[in-house]
Amino acid sequence: MAGSRSSTWRIVAAGEVLLAGVAVALDLWMPTLVLLGLASVSLLVRRQRPRTLGLIAPAGRRWWPLEILGFAVAWTLLTIGVTIPVLEHLSGTRQDVSQFAVVQGNVGLLALLLAFTWTLAAIGEEVAYRGFLVTRLRELIGGDRAGAAATVVAAAVAALLFGWAHTEQGLIGVVTTCIDALFFTWLRFRYRSLWAAVLAHGFNNTIGLVAYFFVGPVYGLW
């Protein structure tokens, strides 16, 4: 009986993943909002709480927000100092962040984008991709006993979809966003909390926006 119930929910998970994939691939409305809607319906149907998507505080880590900030700073430096320059030299193209040029010196726009980045981007995208999508992919691939292999595959598929959702930044932007997604997923499972990924995402975007405010679009360092 338990096995039959598990199989049923895996079929449901397959449908959820398919709908999420279509929403992202076709850029339907705002894919993040579509995925959040799917996540809400999914939790209601399954009679589950948001904690099943990872929305719980890390246990036994008093200073974990500061640890996440350290990770975010280090990740930003690695990205602009290594990842982006290497990708730009290999591809002969440049990440398109020209849309952020208007942020330079504009306090009002900076404040608006910071509010946006901590709500729809940090919380919304993490719940949608690292919470809902990764959880359902793990369930689809590994069932009730999803192990490391299922987690790796789920993380990779969700990262590809997350990257595809950022095609406005060009090839380099898509690739770096995919890599960012893997980093956020790693933090989620390292701290056993989606809030770790939310904070890292928010800190990472905040660092970028503040840099755009002071110096304009930032590309690779070499």
N, C-alpha and C. Protein backbone atom coordinates (compact mmCIF):
# COMPACT_ATOMS: atom_id res chain seq x y z
N MET A 1 0.83 -1.21 0.00
CA MET A 1 0.00 0.00 0.00
C MET A 1 0.86 1.26 0.00
N ALA A 2 1.91 1.23 0.84
CA ALA A 2 2.81 2.37 0.91
C ALA A 2 3.53 2.59 -0.41
N GLY A 3 3.92 1.46 -1.04
CA GLY A 3 4.61 1.56 -2.32
C GLY A 3 3.72 2.14 -3.39
N SER A 4 2.44 1.77 -3.38
CA SER A 4 1.49 2.30 -4.35
C SER A 4 1.30 3.81 -4.15
N ARG A 5 1.22 4.21 -2.89
CA ARG A 5 1.06 5.64 -2.58
C ARG A 5 2.28 6.42 -3.04
N SER A 6 3.47 5.86 -2.81
CA SER A 6 4.71 6.52 -3.23
C SER A 6 4.75 6.66 -4.74
N SER A 7 4.34 5.64 -5.45
CA SER A 7 4.33 5.68 -6.92
C SER A 7 3.37 6.75 -7.43
N THR A 8 2.24 6.88 -6.74
CA THR A 8 1.25 7.89 -7.14
C THR A 8 1.83 9.29 -7.02
N TRP A 9 2.51 9.56 -5.89
CA TRP A 9 3.08 10.88 -5.69
C TRP A 9 4.25 11.15 -6.63
N ARG A 10 4.95 10.09 -7.04
CA ARG A 10 6.02 10.28 -8.02
C ARG A 10 5.44 10.68 -9.37
N ILE A 11 4.28 10.12 -9.70
CA ILE A 11 3.60 10.50 -10.95
C ILE A 11 3.15 11.95 -10.87
N VAL A 12 2.61 12.32 -9.71
CA VAL A 12 2.20 13.71 -9.51
C VAL A 12 3.41 14.64 -9.63
N ALA A 13 4.53 14.23 -9.02
CA ALA A 13 5.76 15.02 -9.09
C ALA A 13 6.22 15.19 -10.53
N ALA A 14 6.07 14.14 -11.33
CA ALA A 14 6.44 14.21 -12.75
C ALA A 14 5.62 15.27 -13.47
N GLY A 15 4.32 15.32 -13.17
CA GLY A 15 3.46 16.33 -13.77
C GLY A 15 3.84 17.73 -13.33
N GLU A 16 4.19 17.87 -12.06
CA GLU A 16 4.59 19.18 -11.55
C GLU A 16 5.88 19.66 -12.20
N VAL A 17 6.83 18.74 -12.33
CA VAL A 17 8.12 19.09 -12.95
C VAL A 17 7.90 19.45 -14.42
N LEU A 18 7.04 18.71 -15.11
CA LEU A 18 6.77 19.00 -16.51
C LEU A 18 6.15 20.39 -16.67
N LEU A 19 5.18 20.72 -15.85
CA LEU A 19 4.54 22.03 -15.93
C LEU A 19 5.55 23.14 -15.62
N ALA A 20 6.39 22.90 -14.63
CA ALA A 20 7.41 23.90 -14.28
C ALA A 20 8.39 24.09 -15.43
N GLY A 21 8.81 22.98 -16.04
CA GLY A 21 9.74 23.06 -17.16
C GLY A 21 9.17 23.81 -18.34
N VAL A 22 7.91 23.56 -18.64
CA VAL A 22 7.24 24.25 -19.75
C VAL A 22 7.15 25.75 -19.46
N ALA A 23 6.79 26.09 -18.22
CA ALA A 23 6.66 27.50 -17.85
C ALA A 23 7.97 28.25 -18.03
N VAL A 24 9.08 27.60 -17.65
CA VAL A 24 10.39 28.24 -17.77
C VAL A 24 10.84 28.27 -19.23
N ALA A 25 10.72 27.15 -19.92
CA ALA A 25 11.19 27.05 -21.30
C ALA A 25 10.47 28.03 -22.22
N LEU A 26 9.18 28.21 -21.99
CA LEU A 26 8.39 29.10 -22.85
C LEU A 26 8.29 30.51 -22.29
N ASP A 27 8.93 30.73 -21.13
CA ASP A 27 8.93 32.05 -20.49
C ASP A 27 7.50 32.55 -20.32
N LEU A 28 6.64 31.69 -19.75
CA LEU A 28 5.24 32.04 -19.57
C LEU A 28 5.09 33.07 -18.45
N TRP A 29 4.53 34.23 -18.80
CA TRP A 29 4.32 35.32 -17.85
C TRP A 29 5.62 35.57 -17.09
N MET A 30 5.63 35.37 -15.78
CA MET A 30 6.88 35.40 -15.01
C MET A 30 7.06 34.00 -14.45
N PRO A 31 7.99 33.21 -15.03
CA PRO A 31 8.13 31.80 -14.62
C PRO A 31 8.25 31.59 -13.12
N THR A 32 8.94 32.50 -12.42
CA THR A 32 9.08 32.34 -10.97
C THR A 32 7.72 32.36 -10.29
N LEU A 33 6.84 33.27 -10.71
CA LEU A 33 5.51 33.34 -10.12
C LEU A 33 4.69 32.10 -10.47
N VAL A 34 4.87 31.59 -11.68
CA VAL A 34 4.17 30.36 -12.07
C VAL A 34 4.61 29.20 -11.18
N LEU A 35 5.92 29.10 -10.97
CA LEU A 35 6.45 28.03 -10.13
C LEU A 35 5.98 28.18 -8.68
N LEU A 36 5.91 29.41 -8.19
CA LEU A 36 5.42 29.63 -6.84
C LEU A 36 3.95 29.23 -6.73
N GLY A 37 3.19 29.50 -7.78
CA GLY A 37 1.79 29.06 -7.80
C GLY A 37 1.69 27.54 -7.78
N LEU A 38 2.53 26.88 -8.59
CA LEU A 38 2.55 25.42 -8.59
C LEU A 38 2.95 24.87 -7.23
N ALA A 39 3.92 25.52 -6.60
CA ALA A 39 4.37 25.08 -5.28
C ALA A 39 3.25 25.19 -4.26
N SER A 40 2.50 26.28 -4.32
CA SER A 40 1.40 26.47 -3.37
C SER A 40 0.33 25.41 -3.55
N VAL A 41 -0.04 25.15 -4.80
CA VAL A 41 -1.04 24.11 -5.07
C VAL A 41 -0.52 22.75 -4.64
N SER A 42 0.75 22.49 -4.92
CA SER A 42 1.36 21.21 -4.57
C SER A 42 1.30 20.96 -3.06
N LEU A 43 1.63 21.98 -2.28
CA LEU A 43 1.58 21.82 -0.83
C LEU A 43 0.16 21.60 -0.33
N LEU A 44 -0.78 22.30 -0.93
CA LEU A 44 -2.18 22.13 -0.52
C LEU A 44 -2.68 20.72 -0.84
N VAL A 45 -2.39 20.25 -2.04
CA VAL A 45 -2.84 18.92 -2.44
C VAL A 45 -2.21 17.84 -1.56
N ARG A 46 -0.94 18.00 -1.25
CA ARG A 46 -0.23 17.01 -0.45
C ARG A 46 -0.44 17.21 1.05
N ARG A 47 -1.09 18.32 1.42
CA ARG A 47 -1.32 18.66 2.83
C ARG A 47 0.01 18.74 3.58
N GLN A 48 0.93 19.42 2.95
CA GLN A 48 2.26 19.59 3.54
C GLN A 48 2.50 21.05 3.90
N ARG A 49 3.47 21.27 4.77
CA ARG A 49 3.84 22.62 5.16
C ARG A 49 5.06 23.08 4.35
N PRO A 50 5.30 24.39 4.29
CA PRO A 50 6.47 24.91 3.55
C PRO A 50 7.79 24.33 4.02
N ARG A 51 7.86 23.86 5.26
CA ARG A 51 9.10 23.27 5.76
C ARG A 51 9.54 22.07 4.93
N THR A 52 8.59 21.41 4.25
CA THR A 52 8.96 20.26 3.42
C THR A 52 9.75 20.68 2.19
N LEU A 53 9.74 21.97 1.88
CA LEU A 53 10.54 22.50 0.78
C LEU A 53 11.87 23.08 1.28
N GLY A 54 12.12 22.90 2.57
CA GLY A 54 13.38 23.37 3.13
C GLY A 54 13.30 24.64 3.94
N LEU A 55 12.11 25.19 4.12
CA LEU A 55 11.95 26.45 4.84
C LEU A 55 11.95 26.23 6.35
N ILE A 56 13.12 25.85 6.85
CA ILE A 56 13.34 25.69 8.27
C ILE A 56 14.68 26.33 8.61
N ALA A 57 14.82 26.78 9.84
CA ALA A 57 16.07 27.42 10.25
C ALA A 57 17.16 26.37 10.46
N PRO A 58 18.40 26.67 10.10
CA PRO A 58 19.50 25.73 10.33
C PRO A 58 19.62 25.41 11.82
N ALA A 59 19.81 24.15 12.14
CA ALA A 59 19.91 23.73 13.53
C ALA A 59 21.35 23.81 14.02
N GLY A 60 21.54 24.31 15.25
CA GLY A 60 22.84 24.30 15.89
C GLY A 60 23.87 25.24 15.29
N ARG A 61 23.43 26.27 14.56
CA ARG A 61 24.37 27.22 13.95
C ARG A 61 23.96 28.63 14.32
N ARG A 62 24.58 29.15 15.38
CA ARG A 62 24.19 30.45 15.90
C ARG A 62 24.53 31.58 14.95
N TRP A 63 25.70 31.51 14.34
CA TRP A 63 26.18 32.61 13.50
C TRP A 63 26.06 32.32 12.01
N TRP A 64 25.12 31.45 11.65
CA TRP A 64 25.06 31.02 10.26
C TRP A 64 24.80 32.16 9.25
N PRO A 65 24.03 33.21 9.59
CA PRO A 65 23.88 34.29 8.59
C PRO A 65 25.21 34.95 8.23
N LEU A 66 26.10 35.11 9.22
CA LEU A 66 27.42 35.68 8.93
C LEU A 66 28.25 34.73 8.08
N GLU A 67 28.10 33.44 8.32
CA GLU A 67 28.80 32.46 7.48
C GLU A 67 28.32 32.57 6.04
N ILE A 68 27.02 32.72 5.86
CA ILE A 68 26.45 32.84 4.52
C ILE A 68 26.96 34.11 3.85
N LEU A 69 27.04 35.20 4.60
CA LEU A 69 27.58 36.44 4.04
C LEU A 69 29.01 36.23 3.57
N GLY A 70 29.81 35.54 4.36
CA GLY A 70 31.18 35.24 3.95
C GLY A 70 31.23 34.42 2.68
N PHE A 71 30.37 33.41 2.59
CA PHE A 71 30.29 32.59 1.38
C PHE A 71 29.91 33.45 0.18
N ALA A 72 28.93 34.36 0.36
CA ALA A 72 28.46 35.19 -0.74
C ALA A 72 29.55 36.13 -1.25
N VAL A 73 30.30 36.72 -0.33
CA VAL A 73 31.40 37.61 -0.73
C VAL A 73 32.47 36.83 -1.49
N ALA A 74 32.84 35.67 -0.95
CA ALA A 74 33.85 34.84 -1.61
C ALA A 74 33.37 34.39 -2.98
N TRP A 75 32.09 34.03 -3.07
CA TRP A 75 31.54 33.56 -4.34
C TRP A 75 31.53 34.68 -5.38
N THR A 76 31.19 35.90 -4.94
CA THR A 76 31.19 37.04 -5.85
C THR A 76 32.58 37.30 -6.41
N LEU A 77 33.58 37.27 -5.53
CA LEU A 77 34.96 37.48 -5.97
C LEU A 77 35.41 36.39 -6.94
N LEU A 78 35.03 35.16 -6.65
CA LEU A 78 35.38 34.04 -7.54
C LEU A 78 34.71 34.21 -8.90
N THR A 79 33.47 34.67 -8.88
CA THR A 79 32.72 34.81 -10.13
C THR A 79 33.32 35.88 -11.04
N ILE A 80 33.59 37.07 -10.48
CA ILE A 80 34.10 38.15 -11.33
C ILE A 80 35.61 38.02 -11.56
N GLY A 81 36.28 37.27 -10.70
CA GLY A 81 37.72 37.14 -10.85
C GLY A 81 38.16 35.93 -11.64
N VAL A 82 37.31 34.90 -11.71
CA VAL A 82 37.69 33.67 -12.41
C VAL A 82 36.62 33.22 -13.40
N THR A 83 35.42 32.94 -12.89
CA THR A 83 34.39 32.30 -13.73
C THR A 83 34.04 33.13 -14.97
N ILE A 84 33.64 34.37 -14.76
CA ILE A 84 33.23 35.21 -15.90
C ILE A 84 34.38 35.47 -16.87
N PRO A 85 35.58 35.87 -16.39
CA PRO A 85 36.68 36.09 -17.34
C PRO A 85 37.00 34.86 -18.17
N VAL A 86 37.04 33.68 -17.54
CA VAL A 86 37.34 32.45 -18.28
C VAL A 86 36.27 32.19 -19.33
N LEU A 87 35.00 32.32 -18.95
CA LEU A 87 33.91 32.09 -19.90
C LEU A 87 33.94 33.10 -21.04
N GLU A 88 34.26 34.35 -20.73
CA GLU A 88 34.32 35.38 -21.77
C GLU A 88 35.46 35.10 -22.75
N HIS A 89 36.61 34.68 -22.25
CA HIS A 89 37.74 34.40 -23.13
C HIS A 89 37.49 33.15 -23.98
N LEU A 90 36.82 32.16 -23.40
CA LEU A 90 36.54 30.93 -24.15
C LEU A 90 35.47 31.14 -25.22
N SER A 91 34.47 31.95 -24.90
CA SER A 91 33.34 32.13 -25.83
C SER A 91 33.51 33.31 -26.77
N GLY A 92 34.38 34.25 -26.39
CA GLY A 92 34.54 35.45 -27.21
C GLY A 92 33.36 36.40 -27.10
N THR A 93 32.50 36.18 -26.08
CA THR A 93 31.35 37.06 -25.86
C THR A 93 31.44 37.65 -24.46
N ARG A 94 30.50 38.54 -24.16
CA ARG A 94 30.50 39.22 -22.87
C ARG A 94 29.12 39.10 -22.24
N GLN A 95 29.10 38.97 -20.92
CA GLN A 95 27.83 38.95 -20.21
C GLN A 95 27.10 40.27 -20.43
N ASP A 96 25.81 40.20 -20.73
CA ASP A 96 25.04 41.41 -20.99
C ASP A 96 24.37 41.89 -19.70
N VAL A 97 25.02 42.82 -19.03
CA VAL A 97 24.43 43.45 -17.84
C VAL A 97 24.19 44.93 -18.09
N SER A 98 24.08 45.28 -19.37
CA SER A 98 23.91 46.69 -19.73
C SER A 98 22.63 47.28 -19.15
N GLN A 99 21.62 46.42 -18.88
CA GLN A 99 20.37 46.93 -18.34
C GLN A 99 20.53 47.53 -16.95
N PHE A 100 21.66 47.22 -16.30
CA PHE A 100 21.89 47.75 -14.96
C PHE A 100 22.66 49.09 -14.98
N ALA A 101 22.97 49.59 -16.16
CA ALA A 101 23.70 50.87 -16.26
C ALA A 101 22.90 52.00 -15.62
N VAL A 102 21.57 51.92 -15.67
CA VAL A 102 20.73 53.00 -15.14
C VAL A 102 20.77 53.05 -13.61
N VAL A 103 21.32 52.02 -12.98
CA VAL A 103 21.39 52.00 -11.52
C VAL A 103 22.47 52.94 -11.00
N GLN A 104 23.49 53.21 -11.81
CA GLN A 104 24.63 54.01 -11.36
C GLN A 104 24.18 55.38 -10.88
N GLY A 105 24.45 55.67 -9.61
CA GLY A 105 24.13 56.97 -9.04
C GLY A 105 22.66 57.21 -8.75
N ASN A 106 21.80 56.24 -9.00
CA ASN A 106 20.35 56.41 -8.81
C ASN A 106 19.91 55.74 -7.51
N VAL A 107 19.81 56.51 -6.44
CA VAL A 107 19.49 55.97 -5.11
C VAL A 107 18.10 55.35 -5.08
N GLY A 108 17.13 56.03 -5.68
CA GLY A 108 15.76 55.53 -5.69
C GLY A 108 15.65 54.19 -6.38
N LEU A 109 16.28 54.07 -7.55
CA LEU A 109 16.23 52.81 -8.30
C LEU A 109 16.97 51.71 -7.55
N LEU A 110 18.08 52.06 -6.91
CA LEU A 110 18.82 51.07 -6.13
C LEU A 110 17.95 50.51 -5.02
N ALA A 111 17.25 51.39 -4.30
CA ALA A 111 16.37 50.96 -3.21
C ALA A 111 15.26 50.05 -3.73
N LEU A 112 14.69 50.42 -4.88
CA LEU A 112 13.62 49.62 -5.47
C LEU A 112 14.13 48.24 -5.87
N LEU A 113 15.30 48.18 -6.51
CA LEU A 113 15.85 46.90 -6.94
C LEU A 113 16.29 46.03 -5.76
N LEU A 114 16.75 46.66 -4.69
CA LEU A 114 17.11 45.90 -3.50
C LEU A 114 15.87 45.25 -2.88
N ALA A 115 14.77 46.00 -2.85
CA ALA A 115 13.52 45.44 -2.35
C ALA A 115 13.07 44.27 -3.23
N PHE A 116 13.20 44.46 -4.53
CA PHE A 116 12.83 43.42 -5.49
C PHE A 116 13.72 42.19 -5.34
N THR A 117 15.03 42.42 -5.14
CA THR A 117 15.96 41.30 -5.11
C THR A 117 15.79 40.45 -3.86
N TRP A 118 15.35 41.06 -2.75
CA TRP A 118 15.17 40.29 -1.53
C TRP A 118 13.80 39.62 -1.45
N THR A 119 12.88 40.01 -2.33
CA THR A 119 11.55 39.40 -2.31
C THR A 119 11.41 38.40 -3.46
N LEU A 120 11.16 38.90 -4.66
CA LEU A 120 10.93 38.00 -5.78
C LEU A 120 12.18 37.21 -6.15
N ALA A 121 13.35 37.82 -6.10
CA ALA A 121 14.57 37.13 -6.52
C ALA A 121 15.07 36.17 -5.44
N ALA A 122 15.43 36.69 -4.27
CA ALA A 122 16.01 35.83 -3.23
C ALA A 122 15.00 34.84 -2.67
N ILE A 123 13.89 35.33 -2.15
CA ILE A 123 12.90 34.43 -1.57
C ILE A 123 12.13 33.69 -2.67
N GLY A 124 11.61 34.44 -3.64
CA GLY A 124 10.79 33.84 -4.67
C GLY A 124 11.51 32.79 -5.49
N GLU A 125 12.67 33.13 -6.03
CA GLU A 125 13.39 32.19 -6.88
C GLU A 125 13.93 31.00 -6.10
N GLU A 126 14.35 31.23 -4.86
CA GLU A 126 14.86 30.11 -4.07
C GLU A 126 13.74 29.13 -3.71
N VAL A 127 12.59 29.65 -3.33
CA VAL A 127 11.46 28.76 -3.04
C VAL A 127 11.04 28.02 -4.30
N ALA A 128 11.01 28.74 -5.42
CA ALA A 128 10.57 28.15 -6.68
C ALA A 128 11.53 27.09 -7.22
N TYR A 129 12.82 27.41 -7.24
CA TYR A 129 13.79 26.53 -7.89
C TYR A 129 14.48 25.58 -6.90
N ARG A 130 15.13 26.11 -5.87
CA ARG A 130 15.84 25.25 -4.92
C ARG A 130 14.91 24.60 -3.92
N GLY A 131 13.73 25.18 -3.70
CA GLY A 131 12.77 24.58 -2.79
C GLY A 131 11.85 23.62 -3.52
N PHE A 132 10.92 24.16 -4.28
CA PHE A 132 9.91 23.35 -4.96
C PHE A 132 10.49 22.44 -6.03
N LEU A 133 11.20 23.01 -7.00
CA LEU A 133 11.64 22.23 -8.15
C LEU A 133 12.65 21.14 -7.77
N VAL A 134 13.65 21.49 -6.97
CA VAL A 134 14.64 20.49 -6.56
C VAL A 134 13.98 19.38 -5.74
N THR A 135 13.06 19.75 -4.85
CA THR A 135 12.38 18.76 -4.02
C THR A 135 11.56 17.80 -4.86
N ARG A 136 10.82 18.32 -5.83
CA ARG A 136 9.98 17.46 -6.66
C ARG A 136 10.83 16.61 -7.62
N LEU A 137 11.93 17.17 -8.10
CA LEU A 137 12.82 16.39 -8.95
C LEU A 137 13.46 15.24 -8.17
N ARG A 138 13.86 15.50 -6.94
CA ARG A 138 14.43 14.43 -6.10
C ARG A 138 13.39 13.34 -5.86
N GLU A 139 12.14 13.76 -5.62
CA GLU A 139 11.06 12.80 -5.40
C GLU A 139 10.80 11.98 -6.66
N LEU A 140 10.81 12.64 -7.80
CA LEU A 140 10.58 11.96 -9.08
C LEU A 140 11.68 10.95 -9.37
N ILE A 141 12.93 11.33 -9.12
CA ILE A 141 14.06 10.48 -9.47
C ILE A 141 14.30 9.38 -8.44
N GLY A 142 14.22 9.74 -7.17
CA GLY A 142 14.58 8.78 -6.13
C GLY A 142 13.47 8.30 -5.24
N GLY A 143 12.28 8.85 -5.37
CA GLY A 143 11.17 8.42 -4.53
C GLY A 143 11.37 8.86 -3.09
N ASP A 144 10.83 8.09 -2.15
CA ASP A 144 10.91 8.44 -0.73
C ASP A 144 12.33 8.37 -0.19
N ARG A 145 13.19 7.62 -0.86
CA ARG A 145 14.56 7.43 -0.38
C ARG A 145 15.58 8.08 -1.33
N ALA A 146 15.27 9.27 -1.76
CA ALA A 146 16.17 9.97 -2.67
C ALA A 146 17.53 10.17 -2.02
N GLY A 147 18.57 9.71 -2.68
CA GLY A 147 19.91 9.82 -2.15
C GLY A 147 20.74 10.86 -2.85
N ALA A 148 22.07 10.71 -2.73
CA ALA A 148 22.98 11.71 -3.29
C ALA A 148 22.86 11.81 -4.80
N ALA A 149 22.73 10.67 -5.48
CA ALA A 149 22.64 10.69 -6.94
C ALA A 149 21.41 11.45 -7.40
N ALA A 150 20.27 11.20 -6.75
CA ALA A 150 19.04 11.90 -7.10
C ALA A 150 19.17 13.40 -6.84
N THR A 151 19.86 13.74 -5.76
CA THR A 151 20.05 15.16 -5.42
C THR A 151 20.91 15.85 -6.47
N VAL A 152 21.97 15.20 -6.91
CA VAL A 152 22.88 15.79 -7.90
C VAL A 152 22.14 16.02 -9.22
N VAL A 153 21.39 15.02 -9.67
CA VAL A 153 20.64 15.15 -10.93
C VAL A 153 19.58 16.24 -10.80
N ALA A 154 18.87 16.25 -9.67
CA ALA A 154 17.84 17.27 -9.44
C ALA A 154 18.44 18.66 -9.45
N ALA A 155 19.59 18.81 -8.78
CA ALA A 155 20.27 20.11 -8.73
C ALA A 155 20.68 20.56 -10.12
N ALA A 156 21.18 19.64 -10.94
CA ALA A 156 21.65 19.98 -12.28
C ALA A 156 20.49 20.40 -13.17
N VAL A 157 19.38 19.65 -13.14
CA VAL A 157 18.22 19.97 -13.98
C VAL A 157 17.63 21.32 -13.57
N ALA A 158 17.47 21.52 -12.26
CA ALA A 158 16.92 22.80 -11.77
C ALA A 158 17.84 23.96 -12.13
N ALA A 159 19.15 23.73 -12.07
CA ALA A 159 20.11 24.78 -12.42
C ALA A 159 20.01 25.16 -13.89
N LEU A 160 19.84 24.17 -14.76
CA LEU A 160 19.70 24.45 -16.19
C LEU A 160 18.45 25.28 -16.46
N LEU A 161 17.35 24.94 -15.79
CA LEU A 161 16.12 25.71 -15.97
C LEU A 161 16.28 27.12 -15.42
N PHE A 162 16.98 27.24 -14.30
CA PHE A 162 17.21 28.56 -13.71
C PHE A 162 18.06 29.42 -14.64
N GLY A 163 19.07 28.81 -15.23
CA GLY A 163 19.90 29.54 -16.18
C GLY A 163 19.10 29.98 -17.40
N TRP A 164 18.26 29.08 -17.89
CA TRP A 164 17.43 29.40 -19.06
C TRP A 164 16.50 30.57 -18.78
N ALA A 165 16.10 30.73 -17.53
CA ALA A 165 15.20 31.82 -17.16
C ALA A 165 15.91 33.17 -17.17
N HIS A 166 17.23 33.17 -17.42
CA HIS A 166 18.01 34.42 -17.42
C HIS A 166 18.70 34.65 -18.77
N THR A 167 18.04 34.28 -19.85
CA THR A 167 18.64 34.42 -21.17
C THR A 167 18.86 35.87 -21.58
N GLU A 168 18.21 36.81 -20.88
CA GLU A 168 18.41 38.23 -21.22
C GLU A 168 19.84 38.69 -20.96
N GLN A 169 20.60 37.89 -20.21
CA GLN A 169 21.99 38.24 -19.92
C GLN A 169 22.97 37.58 -20.89
N GLY A 170 22.46 36.96 -21.93
CA GLY A 170 23.32 36.34 -22.92
C GLY A 170 23.89 35.01 -22.45
N LEU A 171 24.73 34.39 -23.30
CA LEU A 171 25.28 33.07 -23.01
C LEU A 171 26.05 33.05 -21.69
N ILE A 172 26.90 34.05 -21.46
CA ILE A 172 27.70 34.09 -20.24
C ILE A 172 26.79 34.19 -19.02
N GLY A 173 25.76 35.00 -19.13
CA GLY A 173 24.82 35.15 -18.03
C GLY A 173 24.10 33.86 -17.71
N VAL A 174 23.71 33.11 -18.74
CA VAL A 174 23.02 31.84 -18.54
C VAL A 174 23.94 30.85 -17.83
N VAL A 175 25.18 30.75 -18.30
CA VAL A 175 26.12 29.80 -17.71
C VAL A 175 26.44 30.16 -16.27
N THR A 176 26.73 31.43 -16.01
CA THR A 176 27.06 31.83 -14.64
C THR A 176 25.86 31.67 -13.72
N THR A 177 24.67 31.89 -14.23
CA THR A 177 23.47 31.71 -13.42
C THR A 177 23.27 30.24 -13.08
N CYS A 178 23.55 29.36 -14.03
CA CYS A 178 23.50 27.92 -13.76
C CYS A 178 24.47 27.54 -12.64
N ILE A 179 25.68 28.09 -12.72
CA ILE A 179 26.69 27.80 -11.70
C ILE A 179 26.25 28.37 -10.36
N ASP A 180 25.69 29.58 -10.37
CA ASP A 180 25.16 30.17 -9.14
C ASP A 180 24.10 29.26 -8.52
N ALA A 181 23.24 28.71 -9.37
CA ALA A 181 22.18 27.83 -8.89
C ALA A 181 22.74 26.62 -8.17
N LEU A 182 23.81 26.05 -8.70
CA LEU A 182 24.44 24.90 -8.05
C LEU A 182 25.02 25.31 -6.70
N PHE A 183 25.59 26.49 -6.64
CA PHE A 183 26.14 27.01 -5.38
C PHE A 183 25.03 27.17 -4.34
N PHE A 184 23.91 27.77 -4.75
CA PHE A 184 22.79 27.96 -3.82
C PHE A 184 22.22 26.61 -3.36
N THR A 185 22.16 25.65 -4.29
CA THR A 185 21.67 24.32 -3.93
C THR A 185 22.59 23.65 -2.92
N TRP A 186 23.89 23.81 -3.14
CA TRP A 186 24.86 23.24 -2.20
C TRP A 186 24.67 23.82 -0.81
N LEU A 187 24.45 25.13 -0.73
CA LEU A 187 24.22 25.76 0.56
C LEU A 187 22.94 25.26 1.21
N ARG A 188 21.92 25.06 0.40
CA ARG A 188 20.65 24.55 0.96
C ARG A 188 20.87 23.23 1.68
N PHE A 189 21.61 22.32 1.05
CA PHE A 189 21.78 21.00 1.64
C PHE A 189 22.90 20.99 2.69
N ARG A 190 23.87 21.87 2.56
CA ARG A 190 24.92 21.94 3.57
C ARG A 190 24.36 22.39 4.91
N TYR A 191 23.46 23.37 4.87
CA TYR A 191 22.86 23.89 6.09
C TYR A 191 21.51 23.24 6.39
N ARG A 192 21.07 22.38 5.49
CA ARG A 192 19.78 21.70 5.65
C ARG A 192 18.65 22.72 5.84
N SER A 193 18.76 23.79 5.09
CA SER A 193 17.77 24.86 5.17
C SER A 193 17.78 25.68 3.89
N LEU A 194 16.61 25.93 3.34
CA LEU A 194 16.50 26.77 2.15
C LEU A 194 16.84 28.21 2.48
N TRP A 195 16.72 28.61 3.75
CA TRP A 195 17.03 29.98 4.13
C TRP A 195 18.49 30.32 3.88
N ALA A 196 19.35 29.33 3.93
CA ALA A 196 20.76 29.57 3.63
C ALA A 196 20.92 30.02 2.17
N ALA A 197 20.20 29.36 1.26
CA ALA A 197 20.24 29.74 -0.15
C ALA A 197 19.60 31.10 -0.37
N VAL A 198 18.51 31.39 0.35
CA VAL A 198 17.84 32.69 0.24
C VAL A 198 18.78 33.82 0.62
N LEU A 199 19.47 33.67 1.76
CA LEU A 199 20.39 34.71 2.20
C LEU A 199 21.55 34.87 1.22
N ALA A 200 22.12 33.75 0.76
CA ALA A 200 23.24 33.83 -0.18
C ALA A 200 22.81 34.54 -1.46
N HIS A 201 21.63 34.20 -1.95
CA HIS A 201 21.11 34.83 -3.17
C HIS A 201 20.92 36.33 -2.95
N GLY A 202 20.32 36.68 -1.81
CA GLY A 202 20.10 38.09 -1.51
C GLY A 202 21.39 38.87 -1.35
N PHE A 203 22.34 38.30 -0.61
CA PHE A 203 23.63 38.96 -0.42
C PHE A 203 24.37 39.11 -1.75
N ASN A 204 24.35 38.06 -2.56
CA ASN A 204 25.04 38.08 -3.84
C ASN A 204 24.50 39.19 -4.75
N ASN A 205 23.18 39.26 -4.84
CA ASN A 205 22.55 40.28 -5.67
C ASN A 205 22.78 41.68 -5.11
N THR A 206 22.76 41.79 -3.78
CA THR A 206 22.97 43.09 -3.15
C THR A 206 24.37 43.62 -3.45
N ILE A 207 25.35 42.76 -3.35
CA ILE A 207 26.73 43.16 -3.67
C ILE A 207 26.81 43.66 -5.10
N GLY A 208 26.18 42.93 -6.01
CA GLY A 208 26.19 43.34 -7.41
C GLY A 208 25.50 44.67 -7.64
N LEU A 209 24.33 44.86 -7.04
CA LEU A 209 23.59 46.10 -7.23
C LEU A 209 24.32 47.30 -6.66
N VAL A 210 24.93 47.13 -5.49
CA VAL A 210 25.69 48.23 -4.89
C VAL A 210 26.88 48.59 -5.77
N ALA A 211 27.52 47.56 -6.34
CA ALA A 211 28.64 47.82 -7.26
C ALA A 211 28.15 48.58 -8.49
N TYR A 212 27.00 48.19 -9.03
CA TYR A 212 26.44 48.90 -10.18
C TYR A 212 26.13 50.35 -9.82
N PHE A 213 25.67 50.58 -8.59
CA PHE A 213 25.34 51.94 -8.15
C PHE A 213 26.57 52.84 -8.17
N PHE A 214 27.71 52.30 -7.74
CA PHE A 214 28.91 53.12 -7.63
C PHE A 214 29.71 53.22 -8.93
N VAL A 215 29.80 52.12 -9.68
CA VAL A 215 30.70 52.13 -10.85
C VAL A 215 30.02 51.73 -12.16
N GLY A 216 28.72 51.39 -12.11
CA GLY A 216 28.08 50.96 -13.33
C GLY A 216 28.26 49.46 -13.56
N PRO A 217 27.87 48.93 -14.73
CA PRO A 217 27.99 47.50 -15.01
C PRO A 217 29.39 46.96 -14.74
N VAL A 218 29.47 45.82 -14.07
CA VAL A 218 30.73 45.20 -13.73
C VAL A 218 30.88 43.90 -14.53
N TYR A 219 32.00 43.76 -15.22
CA TYR A 219 32.25 42.56 -15.99
C TYR A 219 33.41 41.80 -15.35
N GLY A 220 33.96 40.85 -16.05
CA GLY A 220 35.11 40.12 -15.52
C GLY A 220 36.28 41.04 -15.26
N LEU A 221 37.12 40.65 -14.29
CA LEU A 221 38.24 41.52 -13.89
C LEU A 221 39.43 41.49 -14.86
N TRP A 222 39.42 40.58 -15.81
CA TRP A 222 40.54 40.54 -16.75
C TRP A 222 40.09 39.97 -18.09
